[in-house]
Amino acid sequence: MTAPEVVLATRNPHKIVELREILAQTGVEVRLVGLDRFPDLPEVPETGLTFADNALLKASDVAHRTGLPAIADDSGLCVDVLGGMPGIFSARWSGKHGDDAANLDLLLAQISDVADEHRQAHFACAAALVIPEVPGLGQSGSPAQVVREGRIHGTLLRERRGENGFGYDPIFLPDGYDRTTAEMPPEQKNAISHRTRAFQALAKDLAELL
């Protein structure tokens, strides 16, 4: 029996490899493809107010346009003393999307006067699965959808440490560890990451619904 095809709503090949590895560890058998398979699909604006909103927006759009089960995620850093910000604005906190150095510099400046014992934060990820037109699930012909979330808690350092990872990794020290996520080798970071936790949870839903 041929494994079902599932679309991961990204054109980032590293994310596709990562999810394939996670699914392999859980024993879920699917043929995972990225948006490169569908070059004409437009980018989906992330207009939601939460990680879950944005993940569902992307997964729903891709499932609708391709007619295939779709997975999408949204993630970011949530700082306690900033009321959970940057949150969904993590990638564009400084105003320009994807400028990691500027985002990190701005965040460090904003919490420069915060005492070490109050610099708690967590990385959060929401992973959404949408399966179009599943008979018997909800109303007739309606899509099945589920969102799972993963978090990793830690504290923010005052200076960068490490060359691996990206984004806010150089200042994020996970609880129980003495290395930032930028100092960890990829396999160690991936084993504890918020994305891995969210996708591991979602893999169980994927196995049940497919």
C-alpha atoms as a PDB file:
ATOM      1  CA  MET A   1       0.000   0.000   0.000  1.00  0.00           C
ATOM      2  CA  THR A   2       1.399   3.368  -1.049  1.00  0.00           C
ATOM      3  CA  ALA A   3       2.049   5.833   1.760  1.00  0.00           C
ATOM      4  CA  PRO A   4      -0.202   8.917   1.600  1.00  0.00           C
ATOM      5  CA  GLU A   5       1.278  12.166   0.319  1.00  0.00           C
ATOM      6  CA  VAL A   6       1.400  15.124   2.710  1.00  0.00           C
ATOM      7  CA  VAL A   7       2.462  18.701   1.924  1.00  0.00           C
ATOM      8  CA  LEU A   8       4.607  20.650   4.378  1.00  0.00           C
ATOM      9  CA  ALA A   9       3.809  24.341   3.820  1.00  0.00           C
ATOM     10  CA  THR A  10       7.375  25.527   3.369  1.00  0.00           C
ATOM     11  CA  ARG A  11       9.987  25.979   0.662  1.00  0.00           C
ATOM     12  CA  ASN A  12      12.769  25.478   3.201  1.00  0.00           C
ATOM     13  CA  PRO A  13      14.425  22.107   2.432  1.00  0.00           C
ATOM     14  CA  HIS A  14      15.919  21.925   5.939  1.00  0.00           C
ATOM     15  CA  LYS A  15      12.444  21.939   7.505  1.00  0.00           C
ATOM     16  CA  ILE A  16      11.357  19.121   5.202  1.00  0.00           C
ATOM     17  CA  VAL A  17      14.377  17.004   6.183  1.00  0.00           C
ATOM     18  CA  GLU A  18      13.758  17.752   9.855  1.00  0.00           C
ATOM     19  CA  LEU A  19      10.102  16.701   9.740  1.00  0.00           C
ATOM     20  CA  ARG A  20      10.936  13.554   7.777  1.00  0.00           C
ATOM     21  CA  GLU A  21      13.347  12.569  10.539  1.00  0.00           C
ATOM     22  CA  ILE A  22      10.774  13.275  13.252  1.00  0.00           C
ATOM     23  CA  LEU A  23       8.091  11.256  11.460  1.00  0.00           C
ATOM     24  CA  ALA A  24      10.540   8.387  10.900  1.00  0.00           C
ATOM     25  CA  GLN A  25      11.243   8.276  14.631  1.00  0.00           C
ATOM     26  CA  THR A  26       7.522   8.002  15.381  1.00  0.00           C
ATOM     27  CA  GLY A  27       6.926   5.324  12.753  1.00  0.00           C
ATOM     28  CA  VAL A  28       4.470   7.393  10.699  1.00  0.00           C
ATOM     29  CA  GLU A  29       4.785   6.526   7.016  1.00  0.00           C
ATOM     30  CA  VAL A  30       3.945   9.350   4.606  1.00  0.00           C
ATOM     31  CA  ARG A  31       5.469  10.833   1.468  1.00  0.00           C
ATOM     32  CA  LEU A  32       6.352  14.342   2.607  1.00  0.00           C
ATOM     33  CA  VAL A  33       6.772  17.050  -0.023  1.00  0.00           C
ATOM     34  CA  GLY A  34       7.353  20.793   0.194  1.00  0.00           C
ATOM     35  CA  LEU A  35       5.896  23.753  -1.661  1.00  0.00           C
ATOM     36  CA  ASP A  36       8.584  23.448  -4.326  1.00  0.00           C
ATOM     37  CA  ARG A  37       6.319  20.746  -5.704  1.00  0.00           C
ATOM     38  CA  PHE A  38       3.727  23.503  -6.272  1.00  0.00           C
ATOM     39  CA  PRO A  39       5.696  26.523  -7.550  1.00  0.00           C
ATOM     40  CA  ASP A  40       2.582  28.507  -8.467  1.00  0.00           C
ATOM     41  CA  LEU A  41       1.127  28.543  -4.959  1.00  0.00           C
ATOM     42  CA  PRO A  42       1.169  32.052  -3.446  1.00  0.00           C
ATOM     43  CA  GLU A  43       2.601  32.853  -0.047  1.00  0.00           C
ATOM     44  CA  VAL A  44      -0.043  32.896   2.694  1.00  0.00           C
ATOM     45  CA  PRO A  45      -0.040  36.137   4.756  1.00  0.00           C
ATOM     46  CA  GLU A  46       0.437  35.416   8.468  1.00  0.00           C
ATOM     47  CA  THR A  47      -2.408  37.611   9.687  1.00  0.00           C
ATOM     48  CA  GLY A  48      -3.352  35.540  12.734  1.00  0.00           C
ATOM     49  CA  LEU A  49      -3.018  36.761  16.306  1.00  0.00           C
ATOM     50  CA  THR A  50      -1.502  33.541  17.651  1.00  0.00           C
ATOM     51  CA  PHE A  51       0.958  30.885  16.510  1.00  0.00           C
ATOM     52  CA  ALA A  52      -1.961  28.466  16.160  1.00  0.00           C
ATOM     53  CA  ASP A  53      -3.899  30.950  13.991  1.00  0.00           C
ATOM     54  CA  ASN A  54      -0.991  31.381  11.593  1.00  0.00           C
ATOM     55  CA  ALA A  55      -0.218  27.676  11.381  1.00  0.00           C
ATOM     56  CA  LEU A  56      -3.862  26.902  10.571  1.00  0.00           C
ATOM     57  CA  LEU A  57      -4.055  29.688   7.994  1.00  0.00           C
ATOM     58  CA  LYS A  58      -1.109  28.240   6.095  1.00  0.00           C
ATOM     59  CA  ALA A  59      -2.118  24.597   6.386  1.00  0.00           C
ATOM     60  CA  SER A  60      -5.749  25.310   5.417  1.00  0.00           C
ATOM     61  CA  ASP A  61      -4.763  27.325   2.366  1.00  0.00           C
ATOM     62  CA  VAL A  62      -2.327  24.701   1.100  1.00  0.00           C
ATOM     63  CA  ALA A  63      -4.780  21.847   1.731  1.00  0.00           C
ATOM     64  CA  HIS A  64      -7.519  23.733  -0.130  1.00  0.00           C
ATOM     65  CA  ARG A  65      -5.326  24.585  -3.120  1.00  0.00           C
ATOM     66  CA  THR A  66      -3.651  21.179  -3.487  1.00  0.00           C
ATOM     67  CA  GLY A  67      -6.412  18.858  -2.287  1.00  0.00           C
ATOM     68  CA  LEU A  68      -3.806  17.071  -0.157  1.00  0.00           C
ATOM     69  CA  PRO A  69      -3.277  16.851   3.602  1.00  0.00           C
ATOM     70  CA  ALA A  70      -1.134  19.805   4.646  1.00  0.00           C
ATOM     71  CA  ILE A  71       1.068  20.616   7.622  1.00  0.00           C
ATOM     72  CA  ALA A  72       2.287  24.064   8.635  1.00  0.00           C
ATOM     73  CA  ASP A  73       3.879  25.612  11.680  1.00  0.00           C
ATOM     74  CA  ASP A  74       4.534  28.987  13.257  1.00  0.00           C
ATOM     75  CA  SER A  75       6.944  29.658  16.086  1.00  0.00           C
ATOM     76  CA  GLY A  76       8.765  32.338  18.016  1.00  0.00           C
ATOM     77  CA  LEU A  77      10.233  33.556  21.276  1.00  0.00           C
ATOM     78  CA  CYS A  78       7.993  34.693  24.140  1.00  0.00           C
ATOM     79  CA  VAL A  79       9.611  36.814  26.864  1.00  0.00           C
ATOM     80  CA  ASP A  80       7.854  36.959  30.229  1.00  0.00           C
ATOM     81  CA  VAL A  81       8.687  40.582  31.108  1.00  0.00           C
ATOM     82  CA  LEU A  82       7.520  41.695  27.660  1.00  0.00           C
ATOM     83  CA  GLY A  83       4.122  40.101  28.121  1.00  0.00           C
ATOM     84  CA  GLY A  84       4.934  37.234  25.754  1.00  0.00           C
ATOM     85  CA  MET A  85       6.417  39.356  22.999  1.00  0.00           C
ATOM     86  CA  PRO A  86       8.030  39.241  20.443  1.00  0.00           C
ATOM     87  CA  GLY A  87       5.783  36.193  20.012  1.00  0.00           C
ATOM     88  CA  ILE A  88       4.286  36.023  16.522  1.00  0.00           C
ATOM     89  CA  PHE A  89       6.429  39.042  15.568  1.00  0.00           C
ATOM     90  CA  SER A  90       9.707  37.289  16.436  1.00  0.00           C
ATOM     91  CA  ALA A  91      11.014  37.132  12.869  1.00  0.00           C
ATOM     92  CA  ARG A  92      10.294  40.826  12.226  1.00  0.00           C
ATOM     93  CA  TRP A  93      10.719  42.336  15.695  1.00  0.00           C
ATOM     94  CA  SER A  94      13.109  45.039  14.447  1.00  0.00           C
ATOM     95  CA  GLY A  95      10.854  45.881  11.506  1.00  0.00           C
ATOM     96  CA  LYS A  96      12.530  43.849   8.773  1.00  0.00           C
ATOM     97  CA  HIS A  97      11.551  40.212   8.366  1.00  0.00           C
ATOM     98  CA  GLY A  98      14.374  37.752   8.891  1.00  0.00           C
ATOM     99  CA  ASP A  99      17.043  40.182  10.138  1.00  0.00           C
ATOM    100  CA  ASP A 100      18.246  37.979  12.990  1.00  0.00           C
ATOM    101  CA  ALA A 101      21.026  40.288  14.166  1.00  0.00           C
ATOM    102  CA  ALA A 102      18.789  43.363  14.325  1.00  0.00           C
ATOM    103  CA  ASN A 103      15.996  41.449  16.059  1.00  0.00           C
ATOM    104  CA  LEU A 104      18.378  40.132  18.684  1.00  0.00           C
ATOM    105  CA  ASP A 105      20.036  43.517  19.247  1.00  0.00           C
ATOM    106  CA  LEU A 106      16.671  45.190  19.775  1.00  0.00           C
ATOM    107  CA  LEU A 107      15.489  42.549  22.215  1.00  0.00           C
ATOM    108  CA  LEU A 108      18.707  42.747  24.239  1.00  0.00           C
ATOM    109  CA  ALA A 109      18.353  46.535  24.441  1.00  0.00           C
ATOM    110  CA  GLN A 110      14.732  46.285  25.557  1.00  0.00           C
ATOM    111  CA  ILE A 111      15.534  43.991  28.487  1.00  0.00           C
ATOM    112  CA  SER A 112      18.988  45.372  29.331  1.00  0.00           C
ATOM    113  CA  ASP A 113      17.790  46.660  32.732  1.00  0.00           C
ATOM    114  CA  VAL A 114      15.960  43.456  33.654  1.00  0.00           C
ATOM    115  CA  ALA A 115      17.606  41.526  36.490  1.00  0.00           C
ATOM    116  CA  ASP A 116      18.959  38.074  35.729  1.00  0.00           C
ATOM    117  CA  GLU A 117      16.314  36.359  37.862  1.00  0.00           C
ATOM    118  CA  HIS A 118      13.516  37.924  35.776  1.00  0.00           C
ATOM    119  CA  ARG A 119      14.783  37.085  32.276  1.00  0.00           C
ATOM    120  CA  GLN A 120      12.615  33.994  31.750  1.00  0.00           C
ATOM    121  CA  ALA A 121      11.352  33.170  28.257  1.00  0.00           C
ATOM    122  CA  HIS A 122      10.226  30.251  26.159  1.00  0.00           C
ATOM    123  CA  PHE A 123      10.274  29.221  22.543  1.00  0.00           C
ATOM    124  CA  ALA A 124       6.810  28.173  21.336  1.00  0.00           C
ATOM    125  CA  CYS A 125       5.690  26.356  18.211  1.00  0.00           C
ATOM    126  CA  ALA A 126       2.232  25.528  16.886  1.00  0.00           C
ATOM    127  CA  ALA A 127       2.003  22.797  14.239  1.00  0.00           C
ATOM    128  CA  ALA A 128      -1.234  22.397  12.297  1.00  0.00           C
ATOM    129  CA  LEU A 129      -2.545  19.519  10.206  1.00  0.00           C
ATOM    130  CA  VAL A 130      -5.450  20.004   7.802  1.00  0.00           C
ATOM    131  CA  ILE A 131      -6.943  17.139   5.809  1.00  0.00           C
ATOM    132  CA  PRO A 132      -9.461  18.344   3.206  1.00  0.00           C
ATOM    133  CA  GLU A 133     -12.946  16.872   2.899  1.00  0.00           C
ATOM    134  CA  VAL A 134     -12.792  13.917   5.249  1.00  0.00           C
ATOM    135  CA  PRO A 135     -16.154  12.070   5.300  1.00  0.00           C
ATOM    136  CA  GLY A 136     -17.499  11.314   8.761  1.00  0.00           C
ATOM    137  CA  LEU A 137     -15.392  13.921  10.538  1.00  0.00           C
ATOM    138  CA  GLY A 138     -17.498  16.875  11.618  1.00  0.00           C
ATOM    139  CA  GLN A 139     -19.976  18.028   9.003  1.00  0.00           C
ATOM    140  CA  SER A 140     -20.122  16.097   5.761  1.00  0.00           C
ATOM    141  CA  GLY A 141     -17.327  17.134   3.452  1.00  0.00           C
ATOM    142  CA  SER A 142     -15.667  19.396   6.014  1.00  0.00           C
ATOM    143  CA  PRO A 143     -11.902  19.296   6.525  1.00  0.00           C
ATOM    144  CA  ALA A 144     -10.334  17.679   9.565  1.00  0.00           C
ATOM    145  CA  GLN A 145      -7.897  19.941  11.366  1.00  0.00           C
ATOM    146  CA  VAL A 146      -5.811  19.758  14.499  1.00  0.00           C
ATOM    147  CA  VAL A 147      -3.154  21.928  16.136  1.00  0.00           C
ATOM    148  CA  ARG A 148      -0.489  20.768  18.576  1.00  0.00           C
ATOM    149  CA  GLU A 149       1.930  22.984  20.460  1.00  0.00           C
ATOM    150  CA  GLY A 150       5.410  22.534  21.863  1.00  0.00           C
ATOM    151  CA  ARG A 151       7.461  24.706  24.206  1.00  0.00           C
ATOM    152  CA  ILE A 152      10.933  24.865  25.675  1.00  0.00           C
ATOM    153  CA  HIS A 153      11.543  27.131  28.666  1.00  0.00           C
ATOM    154  CA  GLY A 154      14.720  28.944  29.609  1.00  0.00           C
ATOM    155  CA  THR A 155      16.348  32.283  30.403  1.00  0.00           C
ATOM    156  CA  LEU A 156      17.879  35.007  28.254  1.00  0.00           C
ATOM    157  CA  LEU A 157      21.565  35.853  28.570  1.00  0.00           C
ATOM    158  CA  ARG A 158      23.023  39.340  28.222  1.00  0.00           C
ATOM    159  CA  GLU A 159      25.507  38.439  25.490  1.00  0.00           C
ATOM    160  CA  ARG A 160      25.584  36.060  22.558  1.00  0.00           C
ATOM    161  CA  ARG A 161      27.087  32.611  22.967  1.00  0.00           C
ATOM    162  CA  GLY A 162      27.516  30.074  20.176  1.00  0.00           C
ATOM    163  CA  GLU A 163      27.540  30.028  16.393  1.00  0.00           C
ATOM    164  CA  ASN A 164      24.921  27.375  15.632  1.00  0.00           C
ATOM    165  CA  GLY A 165      21.192  27.797  15.219  1.00  0.00           C
ATOM    166  CA  PHE A 166      19.583  31.064  14.204  1.00  0.00           C
ATOM    167  CA  GLY A 167      17.331  33.842  15.482  1.00  0.00           C
ATOM    168  CA  TYR A 168      17.456  34.195  19.254  1.00  0.00           C
ATOM    169  CA  ASP A 169      19.383  30.956  19.851  1.00  0.00           C
ATOM    170  CA  PRO A 170      22.635  32.721  20.902  1.00  0.00           C
ATOM    171  CA  ILE A 171      21.007  34.193  24.028  1.00  0.00           C
ATOM    172  CA  PHE A 172      18.573  31.395  24.940  1.00  0.00           C
ATOM    173  CA  LEU A 173      19.727  29.106  27.751  1.00  0.00           C
ATOM    174  CA  PRO A 174      17.282  26.192  28.166  1.00  0.00           C
ATOM    175  CA  ASP A 175      16.338  25.232  31.702  1.00  0.00           C
ATOM    176  CA  GLY A 176      18.620  22.463  32.975  1.00  0.00           C
ATOM    177  CA  TYR A 177      21.403  23.116  30.456  1.00  0.00           C
ATOM    178  CA  ASP A 178      24.648  25.084  30.601  1.00  0.00           C
ATOM    179  CA  ARG A 179      24.815  25.780  26.868  1.00  0.00           C
ATOM    180  CA  THR A 180      22.668  28.065  24.740  1.00  0.00           C
ATOM    181  CA  THR A 181      20.767  26.531  21.863  1.00  0.00           C
ATOM    182  CA  ALA A 182      23.371  28.178  19.602  1.00  0.00           C
ATOM    183  CA  GLU A 183      26.146  26.313  21.422  1.00  0.00           C
ATOM    184  CA  MET A 184      24.431  22.929  21.081  1.00  0.00           C
ATOM    185  CA  PRO A 185      25.107  20.621  18.144  1.00  0.00           C
ATOM    186  CA  PRO A 186      22.056  20.402  15.880  1.00  0.00           C
ATOM    187  CA  GLU A 187      21.076  16.919  17.025  1.00  0.00           C
ATOM    188  CA  GLN A 188      20.974  18.004  20.682  1.00  0.00           C
ATOM    189  CA  LYS A 189      19.008  21.154  19.967  1.00  0.00           C
ATOM    190  CA  ASN A 190      16.547  19.325  17.734  1.00  0.00           C
ATOM    191  CA  ALA A 191      15.982  16.646  20.382  1.00  0.00           C
ATOM    192  CA  ILE A 192      14.609  19.213  22.854  1.00  0.00           C
ATOM    193  CA  SER A 193      13.261  21.922  20.571  1.00  0.00           C
ATOM    194  CA  HIS A 194       9.767  23.357  20.601  1.00  0.00           C
ATOM    195  CA  ARG A 195       9.310  22.406  16.939  1.00  0.00           C
ATOM    196  CA  THR A 196      10.238  18.787  17.591  1.00  0.00           C
ATOM    197  CA  ARG A 197       7.818  18.595  20.518  1.00  0.00           C
ATOM    198  CA  ALA A 198       4.977  20.080  18.467  1.00  0.00           C
ATOM    199  CA  PHE A 199       5.588  17.828  15.472  1.00  0.00           C
ATOM    200  CA  GLN A 200       5.993  14.707  17.605  1.00  0.00           C
ATOM    201  CA  ALA A 201       2.568  15.389  19.083  1.00  0.00           C
ATOM    202  CA  LEU A 202       1.119  16.064  15.633  1.00  0.00           C
ATOM    203  CA  ALA A 203       2.568  12.820  14.268  1.00  0.00           C
ATOM    204  CA  LYS A 204       0.130  10.857  16.439  1.00  0.00           C
ATOM    205  CA  ASP A 205      -2.799  12.734  14.893  1.00  0.00           C
ATOM    206  CA  LEU A 206      -1.352  12.184  11.432  1.00  0.00           C
ATOM    207  CA  ALA A 207      -1.207   8.433  12.011  1.00  0.00           C
ATOM    208  CA  GLU A 208      -4.797   8.338  13.278  1.00  0.00           C
ATOM    209  CA  LEU A 209      -6.367  10.529  10.602  1.00  0.00           C
ATOM    210  CA  LEU A 210      -4.549   9.023   7.640  1.00  0.00           C
END
